[in-house]
Amino acid sequence: MSSPEKAPDAKRGREDEEEILLKRQRAEAAQAANALGTNGEDASAAKYFLKVLIPNADAGRVIGKGGEQLKTFIEQSGASIRLSSSDEVIPGSGERVITIGGSLHEISLAQQYIMAHLASPRSGEEADPAAGDARALKFLVPELTAGSIIGKSGAVIKDLMATSGATIKVSQPADLLRATLERTVSLLGGVEAKNKAQALIYERIASLPEEQHPKEINYSCLKGG
C-alpha cells in the first residue's frame, strides 16, 4: 500500500539533492570570482560567457548523480559551468540556463561535450545517429550584441551562415527576455555546422567592445518563469 507514495518522495529527494549541488556550485563560483578579483593579472585575463539553453528535463543529465557528470564536463573543457535552478527558467519555454565561462576555446569545448552528451541515448535506448543534428543549439546574448550578429541588412548573419553551413536565427526584439535584456540565438543544422557557427559568433563577439560581451548573470530574476 505504501509503494505509490515512494515515487513522489524519491522525486523530491532528487530535486533536493540537485538544489544542494547548485548551491554548493554557486558558493564555489563566488569564491573563485573573489579570488580573481584580488589578482590583477587573472582579473584581466580574457574570459567569456556562453549561456546555453536546455529543456528543464535535461538538467539532470548535465548534472549527473552526485554532480559527477558536471564535474566531468568541467575537467574535460577547463571551463566553469553552472546551471540556473529548477525554478529559474525562461518564461514560456521553461528552459534552464547553463552558464559556461572561460576562454573562447574552453567555452566552445564545454558546449560541445554537453550537447553531445544530451544527444547520446539514455540507458536502454537505441542510438540515433541523427539525434545531434536534430537538436537546436540555443544561447543567450545581450540585446546590445544581437545587432552585431545580424549586421546591416542581415549581411553579417548571412556571411556567418554561408561560412558555417548552419541556419542562424536571432529572436525578435518583441521576444526580448526583459528580466535580463537578452535575446536568443538559435543554431540549426549538422553538429559540425552548429559548432562552427557558435565559434564564429563568439569570435565576432570577442572583437566587440567589452560592454557588448555576454556577462555572468544571477538568473534568480527568472524564478516563477
N, C-alpha and C. Protein backbone atom coordinates (compact mmCIF):
# COMPACT_ATOMS: atom_id res chain seq x y z
N MET A 1 0.82 -1.21 0.00
CA MET A 1 0.00 0.00 0.00
C MET A 1 0.86 1.26 0.00
N SER A 2 2.06 1.17 0.55
CA SER A 2 2.87 2.37 0.67
C SER A 2 3.65 2.69 -0.59
N SER A 3 3.73 1.74 -1.54
CA SER A 3 4.57 1.95 -2.73
C SER A 3 4.18 3.15 -3.57
N PRO A 4 2.86 3.49 -3.74
CA PRO A 4 2.53 4.67 -4.56
C PRO A 4 3.10 5.96 -3.99
N GLU A 5 3.38 6.01 -2.69
CA GLU A 5 3.86 7.24 -2.09
C GLU A 5 5.36 7.40 -2.25
N LYS A 6 6.06 6.32 -2.62
CA LYS A 6 7.50 6.39 -2.68
C LYS A 6 8.00 7.20 -3.86
N ALA A 7 7.29 7.13 -5.01
CA ALA A 7 7.75 7.84 -6.20
C ALA A 7 7.85 9.35 -5.98
N PRO A 8 6.80 10.01 -5.45
CA PRO A 8 6.92 11.44 -5.18
C PRO A 8 8.04 11.75 -4.21
N ASP A 9 8.22 10.89 -3.17
CA ASP A 9 9.29 11.12 -2.20
C ASP A 9 10.65 11.03 -2.87
N ALA A 10 10.80 10.05 -3.77
CA ALA A 10 12.06 9.89 -4.48
C ALA A 10 12.34 11.09 -5.37
N LYS A 11 11.27 11.58 -6.02
CA LYS A 11 11.43 12.76 -6.89
C LYS A 11 11.85 13.97 -6.08
N ARG A 12 11.19 14.14 -4.91
CA ARG A 12 11.56 15.27 -4.06
C ARG A 12 13.00 15.15 -3.60
N GLY A 13 13.41 13.90 -3.30
CA GLY A 13 14.79 13.67 -2.87
C GLY A 13 15.79 14.06 -3.94
N ARG A 14 15.49 13.71 -5.21
CA ARG A 14 16.38 14.08 -6.31
C ARG A 14 16.43 15.58 -6.48
N GLU A 15 15.28 16.25 -6.37
CA GLU A 15 15.24 17.71 -6.52
C GLU A 15 16.02 18.39 -5.40
N ASP A 16 15.89 17.85 -4.15
CA ASP A 16 16.63 18.42 -3.03
C ASP A 16 18.13 18.27 -3.24
N GLU A 17 18.54 17.08 -3.74
CA GLU A 17 19.95 16.84 -3.99
C GLU A 17 20.48 17.80 -5.05
N GLU A 18 19.67 18.02 -6.08
CA GLU A 18 20.08 18.93 -7.15
C GLU A 18 20.25 20.35 -6.62
N GLU A 19 19.30 20.79 -5.79
CA GLU A 19 19.38 22.14 -5.25
C GLU A 19 20.61 22.31 -4.37
N ILE A 20 20.94 21.29 -3.58
CA ILE A 20 22.13 21.35 -2.72
C ILE A 20 23.39 21.48 -3.57
N LEU A 21 23.44 20.69 -4.66
CA LEU A 21 24.60 20.75 -5.55
C LEU A 21 24.72 22.12 -6.21
N LEU A 22 23.58 22.69 -6.61
CA LEU A 22 23.61 24.00 -7.25
C LEU A 22 24.06 25.09 -6.29
N LYS A 23 23.60 25.00 -5.02
CA LYS A 23 24.02 25.99 -4.01
C LYS A 23 25.52 25.88 -3.76
N ARG A 24 26.03 24.65 -3.69
CA ARG A 24 27.46 24.46 -3.48
C ARG A 24 28.24 25.01 -4.67
N GLN A 25 27.70 24.75 -5.86
CA GLN A 25 28.35 25.22 -7.08
C GLN A 25 28.43 26.75 -7.11
N ARG A 26 27.35 27.40 -6.70
CA ARG A 26 27.34 28.87 -6.68
C ARG A 26 28.34 29.41 -5.67
N ALA A 27 28.42 28.76 -4.50
CA ALA A 27 29.35 29.20 -3.47
C ALA A 27 30.79 29.10 -3.97
N GLU A 28 31.09 27.99 -4.64
CA GLU A 28 32.44 27.81 -5.18
C GLU A 28 32.74 28.84 -6.27
N ALA A 29 31.73 29.13 -7.09
CA ALA A 29 31.92 30.13 -8.15
C ALA A 29 32.16 31.51 -7.56
N ALA A 30 31.43 31.83 -6.48
CA ALA A 30 31.61 33.13 -5.83
C ALA A 30 33.00 33.26 -5.23
N GLN A 31 33.49 32.16 -4.60
CA GLN A 31 34.83 32.18 -4.04
C GLN A 31 35.87 32.38 -5.12
N ALA A 32 35.66 31.69 -6.25
CA ALA A 32 36.61 31.83 -7.36
C ALA A 32 36.62 33.25 -7.90
N ALA A 33 35.42 33.85 -8.01
CA ALA A 33 35.31 35.22 -8.52
C ALA A 33 36.02 36.19 -7.59
N ASN A 34 35.87 36.00 -6.28
CA ASN A 34 36.53 36.86 -5.31
C ASN A 34 38.04 36.73 -5.41
N ALA A 35 38.50 35.50 -5.58
CA ALA A 35 39.93 35.27 -5.71
C ALA A 35 40.48 35.95 -6.94
N LEU A 36 39.76 35.87 -8.04
CA LEU A 36 40.20 36.52 -9.27
C LEU A 36 40.25 38.03 -9.11
N GLY A 37 39.31 38.56 -8.35
CA GLY A 37 39.26 40.00 -8.18
C GLY A 37 40.43 40.56 -7.42
N THR A 38 41.15 39.72 -6.66
CA THR A 38 42.29 40.20 -5.88
C THR A 38 43.58 40.10 -6.66
N ASN A 39 43.54 39.56 -7.85
CA ASN A 39 44.74 39.36 -8.65
C ASN A 39 44.57 40.09 -9.97
N GLY A 40 45.35 41.14 -10.19
CA GLY A 40 45.20 41.96 -11.38
C GLY A 40 45.36 41.20 -12.66
N GLU A 41 46.34 40.29 -12.71
CA GLU A 41 46.59 39.55 -13.94
C GLU A 41 45.44 38.62 -14.27
N ASP A 42 44.94 37.88 -13.27
CA ASP A 42 43.85 36.94 -13.52
C ASP A 42 42.57 37.68 -13.89
N ALA A 43 42.31 38.80 -13.19
CA ALA A 43 41.08 39.55 -13.44
C ALA A 43 41.05 40.10 -14.85
N SER A 44 42.21 40.41 -15.42
CA SER A 44 42.25 40.99 -16.76
C SER A 44 42.32 39.93 -17.85
N ALA A 45 42.50 38.66 -17.46
CA ALA A 45 42.57 37.59 -18.45
C ALA A 45 41.23 37.48 -19.19
N ALA A 46 41.32 37.19 -20.49
CA ALA A 46 40.11 37.12 -21.30
C ALA A 46 39.22 35.97 -20.83
N LYS A 47 38.00 36.29 -20.43
CA LYS A 47 37.04 35.27 -20.04
C LYS A 47 35.70 35.63 -20.66
N TYR A 48 35.09 34.65 -21.28
CA TYR A 48 33.82 34.87 -21.96
C TYR A 48 32.76 33.95 -21.36
N PHE A 49 31.50 34.34 -21.55
CA PHE A 49 30.40 33.55 -21.02
C PHE A 49 29.45 33.15 -22.14
N LEU A 50 29.19 31.86 -22.22
CA LEU A 50 28.24 31.30 -23.18
C LEU A 50 27.08 30.75 -22.38
N LYS A 51 25.88 31.28 -22.60
CA LYS A 51 24.69 30.89 -21.83
C LYS A 51 23.78 30.00 -22.68
N VAL A 52 23.98 28.69 -22.57
CA VAL A 52 23.24 27.71 -23.37
C VAL A 52 21.90 27.39 -22.72
N LEU A 53 20.87 27.26 -23.54
CA LEU A 53 19.53 26.92 -23.05
C LEU A 53 19.26 25.43 -23.28
N ILE A 54 18.75 24.77 -22.25
CA ILE A 54 18.36 23.36 -22.38
C ILE A 54 17.00 23.15 -21.73
N PRO A 55 16.24 22.15 -22.17
CA PRO A 55 14.98 21.84 -21.50
C PRO A 55 15.22 21.49 -20.04
N ASN A 56 14.31 21.89 -19.18
CA ASN A 56 14.44 21.59 -17.75
C ASN A 56 14.62 20.10 -17.52
N ALA A 57 13.95 19.29 -18.35
CA ALA A 57 14.00 17.83 -18.19
C ALA A 57 15.40 17.27 -18.43
N ASP A 58 16.27 18.02 -19.14
CA ASP A 58 17.62 17.53 -19.44
C ASP A 58 18.65 17.93 -18.38
N ALA A 59 18.26 18.76 -17.43
CA ALA A 59 19.21 19.26 -16.44
C ALA A 59 19.87 18.14 -15.65
N GLY A 60 19.08 17.13 -15.29
CA GLY A 60 19.63 16.02 -14.53
C GLY A 60 20.74 15.28 -15.26
N ARG A 61 20.63 15.19 -16.57
CA ARG A 61 21.67 14.52 -17.37
C ARG A 61 22.96 15.33 -17.39
N VAL A 62 22.82 16.64 -17.35
CA VAL A 62 24.01 17.51 -17.33
C VAL A 62 24.70 17.43 -15.98
N ILE A 63 23.92 17.38 -14.91
CA ILE A 63 24.49 17.34 -13.55
C ILE A 63 25.02 15.95 -13.22
N GLY A 64 24.22 14.92 -13.50
CA GLY A 64 24.63 13.56 -13.18
C GLY A 64 24.47 13.24 -11.71
N LYS A 65 24.57 11.98 -11.38
CA LYS A 65 24.42 11.53 -9.99
C LYS A 65 25.53 12.11 -9.14
N GLY A 66 25.14 12.81 -8.08
CA GLY A 66 26.11 13.42 -7.19
C GLY A 66 26.94 14.51 -7.84
N GLY A 67 26.48 15.02 -9.00
CA GLY A 67 27.21 16.08 -9.69
C GLY A 67 28.40 15.57 -10.50
N GLU A 68 28.52 14.24 -10.65
CA GLU A 68 29.70 13.68 -11.30
C GLU A 68 29.80 14.04 -12.78
N GLN A 69 28.67 14.06 -13.50
CA GLN A 69 28.73 14.39 -14.92
C GLN A 69 29.16 15.83 -15.13
N LEU A 70 28.65 16.72 -14.30
CA LEU A 70 29.03 18.13 -14.39
C LEU A 70 30.53 18.30 -14.13
N LYS A 71 31.05 17.60 -13.15
CA LYS A 71 32.48 17.66 -12.85
C LYS A 71 33.30 17.18 -14.04
N THR A 72 32.79 16.14 -14.72
CA THR A 72 33.49 15.62 -15.88
C THR A 72 33.57 16.67 -16.99
N PHE A 73 32.45 17.36 -17.24
CA PHE A 73 32.45 18.41 -18.27
C PHE A 73 33.47 19.51 -17.92
N ILE A 74 33.52 19.88 -16.65
CA ILE A 74 34.45 20.93 -16.21
C ILE A 74 35.89 20.49 -16.40
N GLU A 75 36.18 19.24 -16.01
CA GLU A 75 37.54 18.72 -16.15
C GLU A 75 37.94 18.57 -17.61
N GLN A 76 37.00 18.13 -18.45
CA GLN A 76 37.30 17.92 -19.87
C GLN A 76 37.58 19.24 -20.60
N SER A 77 36.84 20.27 -20.25
CA SER A 77 36.90 21.52 -21.01
C SER A 77 37.79 22.59 -20.37
N GLY A 78 37.91 22.55 -19.05
CA GLY A 78 38.64 23.61 -18.35
C GLY A 78 37.79 24.84 -18.08
N ALA A 79 36.51 24.77 -18.47
CA ALA A 79 35.59 25.90 -18.27
C ALA A 79 34.87 25.79 -16.94
N SER A 80 34.34 26.91 -16.46
CA SER A 80 33.43 26.88 -15.32
C SER A 80 32.03 26.67 -15.87
N ILE A 81 31.22 25.87 -15.19
CA ILE A 81 29.87 25.56 -15.67
C ILE A 81 28.91 25.56 -14.50
N ARG A 82 27.81 26.28 -14.62
CA ARG A 82 26.77 26.22 -13.60
C ARG A 82 25.40 26.35 -14.25
N LEU A 83 24.41 25.78 -13.59
CA LEU A 83 23.05 25.79 -14.11
C LEU A 83 22.17 26.69 -13.26
N SER A 84 21.19 27.30 -13.92
CA SER A 84 20.17 28.00 -13.15
C SER A 84 19.34 26.95 -12.42
N SER A 85 18.69 27.35 -11.34
CA SER A 85 17.90 26.41 -10.54
C SER A 85 16.67 25.94 -11.31
N SER A 86 16.03 24.91 -10.78
CA SER A 86 14.88 24.32 -11.46
C SER A 86 13.71 25.29 -11.60
N ASP A 87 13.67 26.33 -10.76
CA ASP A 87 12.60 27.32 -10.86
C ASP A 87 13.07 28.62 -11.51
N GLU A 88 14.30 28.62 -12.03
CA GLU A 88 14.84 29.78 -12.74
C GLU A 88 14.89 29.44 -14.22
N VAL A 89 13.76 29.63 -14.89
CA VAL A 89 13.61 29.17 -16.26
C VAL A 89 13.13 30.31 -17.17
N ILE A 90 13.34 30.10 -18.47
CA ILE A 90 12.92 31.08 -19.45
C ILE A 90 11.39 31.07 -19.53
N PRO A 91 10.74 32.22 -19.39
CA PRO A 91 9.27 32.25 -19.47
C PRO A 91 8.77 31.70 -20.79
N GLY A 92 7.75 30.88 -20.72
CA GLY A 92 7.16 30.32 -21.93
C GLY A 92 7.76 28.98 -22.30
N SER A 93 9.08 28.91 -22.45
CA SER A 93 9.72 27.66 -22.88
C SER A 93 10.09 26.76 -21.70
N GLY A 94 10.27 27.34 -20.51
CA GLY A 94 10.65 26.55 -19.35
C GLY A 94 12.09 26.04 -19.42
N GLU A 95 12.91 26.65 -20.27
CA GLU A 95 14.30 26.20 -20.42
C GLU A 95 15.18 26.76 -19.30
N ARG A 96 16.20 25.98 -18.96
CA ARG A 96 17.17 26.43 -17.96
C ARG A 96 18.43 26.94 -18.65
N VAL A 97 19.18 27.74 -17.93
CA VAL A 97 20.37 28.37 -18.48
C VAL A 97 21.63 27.70 -17.93
N ILE A 98 22.48 27.23 -18.83
CA ILE A 98 23.81 26.73 -18.44
C ILE A 98 24.79 27.84 -18.74
N THR A 99 25.40 28.40 -17.71
CA THR A 99 26.39 29.46 -17.89
C THR A 99 27.78 28.84 -17.92
N ILE A 100 28.45 28.96 -19.07
CA ILE A 100 29.78 28.40 -19.28
C ILE A 100 30.78 29.56 -19.36
N GLY A 101 31.81 29.52 -18.53
CA GLY A 101 32.79 30.60 -18.52
C GLY A 101 34.19 30.11 -18.81
N GLY A 102 34.95 30.88 -19.58
CA GLY A 102 36.33 30.50 -19.88
C GLY A 102 36.83 31.19 -21.13
N SER A 103 37.91 30.68 -21.68
CA SER A 103 38.41 31.21 -22.94
C SER A 103 37.47 30.82 -24.07
N LEU A 104 37.67 31.38 -25.24
CA LEU A 104 36.83 31.02 -26.38
C LEU A 104 36.89 29.53 -26.66
N HIS A 105 38.09 28.97 -26.56
CA HIS A 105 38.24 27.53 -26.80
C HIS A 105 37.54 26.71 -25.72
N GLU A 106 37.67 27.11 -24.47
CA GLU A 106 37.09 26.35 -23.36
C GLU A 106 35.57 26.35 -23.40
N ILE A 107 34.96 27.50 -23.69
CA ILE A 107 33.50 27.54 -23.69
C ILE A 107 32.93 26.75 -24.87
N SER A 108 33.62 26.79 -25.99
CA SER A 108 33.17 26.02 -27.15
C SER A 108 33.29 24.52 -26.87
N LEU A 109 34.40 24.13 -26.24
CA LEU A 109 34.63 22.73 -25.92
C LEU A 109 33.58 22.22 -24.94
N ALA A 110 33.29 23.01 -23.90
CA ALA A 110 32.28 22.60 -22.92
C ALA A 110 30.92 22.45 -23.57
N GLN A 111 30.56 23.39 -24.40
CA GLN A 111 29.27 23.32 -25.11
C GLN A 111 29.19 22.06 -25.94
N GLN A 112 30.27 21.72 -26.62
CA GLN A 112 30.27 20.53 -27.48
C GLN A 112 30.12 19.25 -26.67
N TYR A 113 30.83 19.17 -25.54
CA TYR A 113 30.71 17.99 -24.67
C TYR A 113 29.29 17.84 -24.14
N ILE A 114 28.70 18.95 -23.70
CA ILE A 114 27.35 18.91 -23.12
C ILE A 114 26.32 18.50 -24.16
N MET A 115 26.37 19.13 -25.33
CA MET A 115 25.38 18.84 -26.36
C MET A 115 25.53 17.41 -26.90
N ALA A 116 26.77 16.94 -27.00
CA ALA A 116 26.99 15.56 -27.46
C ALA A 116 26.43 14.57 -26.45
N HIS A 117 26.59 14.88 -25.17
CA HIS A 117 26.07 14.00 -24.11
C HIS A 117 24.55 13.97 -24.16
N LEU A 118 23.91 15.12 -24.35
CA LEU A 118 22.45 15.18 -24.39
C LEU A 118 21.89 14.48 -25.63
N ALA A 119 22.67 14.43 -26.69
CA ALA A 119 22.23 13.75 -27.91
C ALA A 119 22.45 12.25 -27.85
N SER A 120 23.23 11.80 -26.88
CA SER A 120 23.51 10.36 -26.76
C SER A 120 22.30 9.65 -26.17
N PRO A 121 22.14 8.36 -26.45
CA PRO A 121 20.97 7.63 -25.94
C PRO A 121 21.01 7.45 -24.44
N ARG A 122 19.84 7.49 -23.82
CA ARG A 122 19.73 7.17 -22.40
C ARG A 122 19.88 5.66 -22.24
N SER A 123 20.04 5.24 -21.01
CA SER A 123 20.17 3.82 -20.73
C SER A 123 18.95 3.05 -21.25
N GLY A 124 19.20 2.03 -22.05
CA GLY A 124 18.13 1.22 -22.59
C GLY A 124 17.59 1.71 -23.92
N GLU A 125 18.03 2.89 -24.38
CA GLU A 125 17.57 3.42 -25.66
C GLU A 125 18.55 3.03 -26.77
N GLU A 126 18.04 2.98 -27.98
CA GLU A 126 18.89 2.73 -29.13
C GLU A 126 19.52 4.04 -29.60
N ALA A 127 20.76 3.97 -30.07
CA ALA A 127 21.46 5.15 -30.56
C ALA A 127 20.78 5.68 -31.83
N ASP A 128 20.67 7.00 -31.91
CA ASP A 128 20.11 7.66 -33.09
C ASP A 128 21.19 8.55 -33.68
N PRO A 129 21.79 8.16 -34.80
CA PRO A 129 22.88 8.93 -35.40
C PRO A 129 22.49 10.38 -35.72
N ALA A 130 21.20 10.63 -35.93
CA ALA A 130 20.75 11.97 -36.31
C ALA A 130 20.34 12.82 -35.12
N ALA A 131 20.47 12.28 -33.90
CA ALA A 131 19.99 13.00 -32.72
C ALA A 131 20.70 14.34 -32.53
N GLY A 132 22.01 14.35 -32.76
CA GLY A 132 22.76 15.59 -32.58
C GLY A 132 22.38 16.65 -33.60
N ASP A 133 22.09 16.20 -34.84
CA ASP A 133 21.70 17.15 -35.88
C ASP A 133 20.33 17.74 -35.60
N ALA A 134 19.44 16.93 -35.02
CA ALA A 134 18.06 17.37 -34.81
C ALA A 134 17.93 18.39 -33.68
N ARG A 135 18.85 18.37 -32.73
CA ARG A 135 18.75 19.26 -31.57
C ARG A 135 19.31 20.65 -31.90
N ALA A 136 18.52 21.68 -31.66
CA ALA A 136 18.99 23.05 -31.88
C ALA A 136 19.95 23.45 -30.77
N LEU A 137 20.93 24.25 -31.11
CA LEU A 137 21.84 24.85 -30.12
C LEU A 137 21.37 26.27 -29.89
N LYS A 138 20.90 26.56 -28.68
CA LYS A 138 20.35 27.88 -28.36
C LYS A 138 21.15 28.53 -27.24
N PHE A 139 21.44 29.80 -27.39
CA PHE A 139 22.14 30.52 -26.32
C PHE A 139 21.71 31.98 -26.29
N LEU A 140 21.92 32.61 -25.15
CA LEU A 140 21.51 33.98 -24.92
C LEU A 140 22.64 34.95 -25.21
N VAL A 141 22.30 36.10 -25.79
CA VAL A 141 23.26 37.19 -25.98
C VAL A 141 22.59 38.50 -25.56
N PRO A 142 23.37 39.49 -25.13
CA PRO A 142 22.77 40.77 -24.76
C PRO A 142 22.04 41.39 -25.95
N GLU A 143 20.98 42.11 -25.67
CA GLU A 143 20.25 42.81 -26.74
C GLU A 143 21.20 43.71 -27.52
N LEU A 144 22.14 44.32 -26.81
CA LEU A 144 23.10 45.23 -27.42
C LEU A 144 23.98 44.52 -28.45
N THR A 145 24.14 43.22 -28.30
CA THR A 145 25.03 42.44 -29.16
C THR A 145 24.31 41.84 -30.37
N ALA A 146 23.01 41.67 -30.26
CA ALA A 146 22.25 41.00 -31.31
C ALA A 146 22.42 41.67 -32.67
N GLY A 147 22.41 42.98 -32.69
CA GLY A 147 22.54 43.71 -33.96
C GLY A 147 23.87 43.46 -34.63
N SER A 148 24.92 43.25 -33.82
CA SER A 148 26.26 42.99 -34.39
C SER A 148 26.34 41.61 -34.99
N ILE A 149 25.49 40.69 -34.53
CA ILE A 149 25.46 39.34 -35.10
C ILE A 149 24.66 39.34 -36.41
N ILE A 150 23.63 40.19 -36.44
CA ILE A 150 22.78 40.27 -37.64
C ILE A 150 23.45 41.10 -38.73
N GLY A 151 23.96 42.27 -38.35
CA GLY A 151 24.61 43.16 -39.30
C GLY A 151 23.62 43.99 -40.11
N LYS A 152 24.13 44.98 -40.81
CA LYS A 152 23.28 45.85 -41.62
C LYS A 152 22.62 45.06 -42.73
N SER A 153 21.30 45.13 -42.78
CA SER A 153 20.51 44.39 -43.77
C SER A 153 20.77 42.88 -43.72
N GLY A 154 21.21 42.41 -42.55
CA GLY A 154 21.44 40.97 -42.37
C GLY A 154 22.73 40.47 -42.99
N ALA A 155 23.65 41.38 -43.34
CA ALA A 155 24.86 40.99 -44.05
C ALA A 155 25.74 40.05 -43.22
N VAL A 156 25.89 40.34 -41.92
CA VAL A 156 26.78 39.54 -41.08
C VAL A 156 26.23 38.14 -40.87
N ILE A 157 24.95 38.05 -40.53
CA ILE A 157 24.37 36.74 -40.26
C ILE A 157 24.35 35.87 -41.53
N LYS A 158 24.18 36.50 -42.68
CA LYS A 158 24.23 35.75 -43.94
C LYS A 158 25.62 35.19 -44.17
N ASP A 159 26.65 35.98 -43.87
CA ASP A 159 28.02 35.53 -44.03
C ASP A 159 28.34 34.41 -43.05
N LEU A 160 27.86 34.54 -41.80
CA LEU A 160 28.08 33.50 -40.79
C LEU A 160 27.44 32.18 -41.21
N MET A 161 26.24 32.26 -41.79
CA MET A 161 25.56 31.05 -42.24
C MET A 161 26.27 30.41 -43.43
N ALA A 162 26.73 31.25 -44.35
CA ALA A 162 27.42 30.73 -45.53
C ALA A 162 28.74 30.06 -45.14
N THR A 163 29.44 30.64 -44.18
CA THR A 163 30.74 30.12 -43.76
C THR A 163 30.61 28.84 -42.94
N SER A 164 29.60 28.80 -42.07
CA SER A 164 29.44 27.65 -41.16
C SER A 164 28.59 26.53 -41.72
N GLY A 165 27.65 26.86 -42.57
CA GLY A 165 26.71 25.86 -43.08
C GLY A 165 25.50 25.66 -42.19
N ALA A 166 25.43 26.42 -41.08
CA ALA A 166 24.31 26.31 -40.15
C ALA A 166 23.27 27.39 -40.45
N THR A 167 22.04 27.12 -40.06
CA THR A 167 21.00 28.14 -40.09
C THR A 167 21.04 28.88 -38.76
N ILE A 168 21.09 30.20 -38.81
CA ILE A 168 21.20 31.01 -37.59
C ILE A 168 20.00 31.93 -37.49
N LYS A 169 19.32 31.87 -36.37
CA LYS A 169 18.17 32.74 -36.12
C LYS A 169 18.37 33.51 -34.82
N VAL A 170 18.05 34.79 -34.86
CA VAL A 170 18.10 35.62 -33.66
C VAL A 170 16.67 36.03 -33.34
N SER A 171 16.27 35.83 -32.09
CA SER A 171 14.89 36.14 -31.71
C SER A 171 14.57 37.61 -31.95
N GLN A 172 13.31 37.89 -32.18
CA GLN A 172 12.86 39.24 -32.48
C GLN A 172 12.91 40.13 -31.22
N PRO A 173 13.04 41.45 -31.41
CA PRO A 173 13.04 42.35 -30.25
C PRO A 173 11.80 42.17 -29.37
N ALA A 174 10.67 41.81 -29.99
CA ALA A 174 9.44 41.62 -29.21
C ALA A 174 9.55 40.43 -28.26
N ASP A 175 10.48 39.51 -28.55
CA ASP A 175 10.67 38.32 -27.72
C ASP A 175 11.83 38.49 -26.74
N LEU A 176 12.23 39.72 -26.51
CA LEU A 176 13.32 40.03 -25.59
C LEU A 176 13.04 39.44 -24.20
N LEU A 177 14.06 38.83 -23.60
CA LEU A 177 13.97 38.38 -22.21
C LEU A 177 14.15 39.62 -21.35
N ARG A 178 13.04 40.21 -20.95
CA ARG A 178 13.08 41.53 -20.34
C ARG A 178 13.78 41.57 -18.99
N ALA A 179 13.74 40.45 -18.28
CA ALA A 179 14.38 40.43 -16.95
C ALA A 179 15.89 40.64 -17.04
N THR A 180 16.50 40.22 -18.16
CA THR A 180 17.95 40.34 -18.30
C THR A 180 18.38 41.07 -19.56
N LEU A 181 17.41 41.54 -20.35
CA LEU A 181 17.68 42.24 -21.61
C LEU A 181 18.56 41.39 -22.54
N GLU A 182 18.12 40.15 -22.75
CA GLU A 182 18.86 39.23 -23.63
C GLU A 182 17.94 38.68 -24.71
N ARG A 183 18.56 38.31 -25.82
CA ARG A 183 17.83 37.67 -26.92
C ARG A 183 18.44 36.30 -27.18
N THR A 184 17.68 35.45 -27.84
CA THR A 184 18.10 34.07 -28.08
C THR A 184 18.64 33.89 -29.49
N VAL A 185 19.81 33.26 -29.57
CA VAL A 185 20.38 32.86 -30.85
C VAL A 185 20.15 31.35 -30.99
N SER A 186 19.55 30.93 -32.09
CA SER A 186 19.28 29.50 -32.32
C SER A 186 20.07 29.04 -33.54
N LEU A 187 20.79 27.94 -33.38
CA LEU A 187 21.57 27.37 -34.47
C LEU A 187 20.97 26.03 -34.86
N LEU A 188 20.75 25.83 -36.15
CA LEU A 188 20.15 24.61 -36.67
C LEU A 188 21.04 24.03 -37.75
N GLY A 189 21.06 22.68 -37.84
CA GLY A 189 21.86 22.03 -38.86
C GLY A 189 22.66 20.89 -38.27
N GLY A 190 23.67 20.45 -39.02
CA GLY A 190 24.53 19.38 -38.54
C GLY A 190 25.36 19.83 -37.34
N VAL A 191 25.82 18.87 -36.56
CA VAL A 191 26.59 19.19 -35.35
C VAL A 191 27.82 20.02 -35.68
N GLU A 192 28.58 19.61 -36.69
CA GLU A 192 29.79 20.34 -37.06
C GLU A 192 29.47 21.78 -37.47
N ALA A 193 28.40 21.96 -38.23
CA ALA A 193 28.00 23.29 -38.69
C ALA A 193 27.60 24.17 -37.51
N LYS A 194 26.84 23.60 -36.57
CA LYS A 194 26.41 24.38 -35.40
C LYS A 194 27.60 24.77 -34.54
N ASN A 195 28.53 23.84 -34.34
CA ASN A 195 29.71 24.16 -33.54
C ASN A 195 30.56 25.25 -34.20
N LYS A 196 30.68 25.17 -35.51
CA LYS A 196 31.44 26.19 -36.24
C LYS A 196 30.76 27.54 -36.14
N ALA A 197 29.43 27.56 -36.26
CA ALA A 197 28.68 28.82 -36.17
C ALA A 197 28.83 29.44 -34.79
N GLN A 198 28.73 28.62 -33.75
CA GLN A 198 28.88 29.14 -32.38
C GLN A 198 30.27 29.76 -32.20
N ALA A 199 31.30 29.07 -32.69
CA ALA A 199 32.66 29.58 -32.56
C ALA A 199 32.84 30.89 -33.34
N LEU A 200 32.29 30.95 -34.55
CA LEU A 200 32.41 32.17 -35.37
C LEU A 200 31.68 33.36 -34.72
N ILE A 201 30.50 33.08 -34.16
CA ILE A 201 29.75 34.15 -33.49
C ILE A 201 30.55 34.70 -32.32
N TYR A 202 31.17 33.81 -31.56
CA TYR A 202 31.94 34.27 -30.40
C TYR A 202 33.26 34.93 -30.78
N GLU A 203 33.82 34.56 -31.91
CA GLU A 203 34.98 35.28 -32.40
C GLU A 203 34.59 36.72 -32.72
N ARG A 204 33.39 36.88 -33.27
CA ARG A 204 32.90 38.22 -33.58
C ARG A 204 32.62 38.98 -32.29
N ILE A 205 31.98 38.32 -31.32
CA ILE A 205 31.69 38.96 -30.04
C ILE A 205 32.98 39.42 -29.37
N ALA A 206 34.04 38.61 -29.45
CA ALA A 206 35.32 38.95 -28.83
C ALA A 206 35.93 40.21 -29.42
N SER A 207 35.57 40.52 -30.67
CA SER A 207 36.11 41.71 -31.33
C SER A 207 35.32 42.97 -30.97
N LEU A 208 34.19 42.81 -30.30
CA LEU A 208 33.35 43.94 -29.93
C LEU A 208 33.83 44.56 -28.62
N PRO A 209 33.40 45.80 -28.33
CA PRO A 209 33.73 46.41 -27.03
C PRO A 209 33.24 45.51 -25.89
N GLU A 210 33.95 45.53 -24.77
CA GLU A 210 33.65 44.63 -23.67
C GLU A 210 32.23 44.76 -23.15
N GLU A 211 31.65 45.97 -23.22
CA GLU A 211 30.28 46.14 -22.73
C GLU A 211 29.25 45.36 -23.54
N GLN A 212 29.65 44.87 -24.72
CA GLN A 212 28.75 44.07 -25.53
C GLN A 212 28.95 42.57 -25.33
N HIS A 213 29.90 42.21 -24.50
CA HIS A 213 30.14 40.78 -24.24
C HIS A 213 29.07 40.23 -23.30
N PRO A 214 28.62 39.00 -23.50
CA PRO A 214 27.69 38.38 -22.55
C PRO A 214 28.31 38.35 -21.15
N LYS A 215 27.52 38.67 -20.15
CA LYS A 215 28.00 38.73 -18.77
C LYS A 215 27.42 37.58 -17.95
N GLU A 216 28.12 37.24 -16.89
CA GLU A 216 27.60 36.26 -15.95
C GLU A 216 26.46 36.92 -15.18
N ILE A 217 25.32 36.26 -15.12
CA ILE A 217 24.12 36.84 -14.54
C ILE A 217 23.53 35.90 -13.50
N ASN A 218 23.01 36.48 -12.43
CA ASN A 218 22.26 35.68 -11.45
C ASN A 218 20.82 35.56 -11.98
N TYR A 219 20.45 34.35 -12.39
CA TYR A 219 19.15 34.16 -13.01
C TYR A 219 18.02 33.93 -12.02
N SER A 220 18.23 34.33 -10.78
CA SER A 220 17.13 34.25 -9.80
C SER A 220 15.97 35.16 -10.19
N CYS A 221 16.27 36.13 -11.08
CA CYS A 221 15.22 37.03 -11.57
C CYS A 221 14.20 36.28 -12.43
N LEU A 222 14.51 35.06 -12.81
CA LEU A 222 13.60 34.26 -13.64
C LEU A 222 12.71 33.35 -12.81
N LYS A 223 12.85 33.38 -11.52
CA LYS A 223 12.05 32.49 -10.67
C LYS A 223 10.56 32.65 -10.97
N GLY A 224 9.91 31.51 -11.14
CA GLY A 224 8.49 31.54 -11.43
C GLY A 224 8.18 31.74 -12.89
N GLY A 225 9.27 31.77 -13.77
CA GLY A 225 9.04 31.98 -15.19
C GLY A 225 8.44 30.80 -15.87
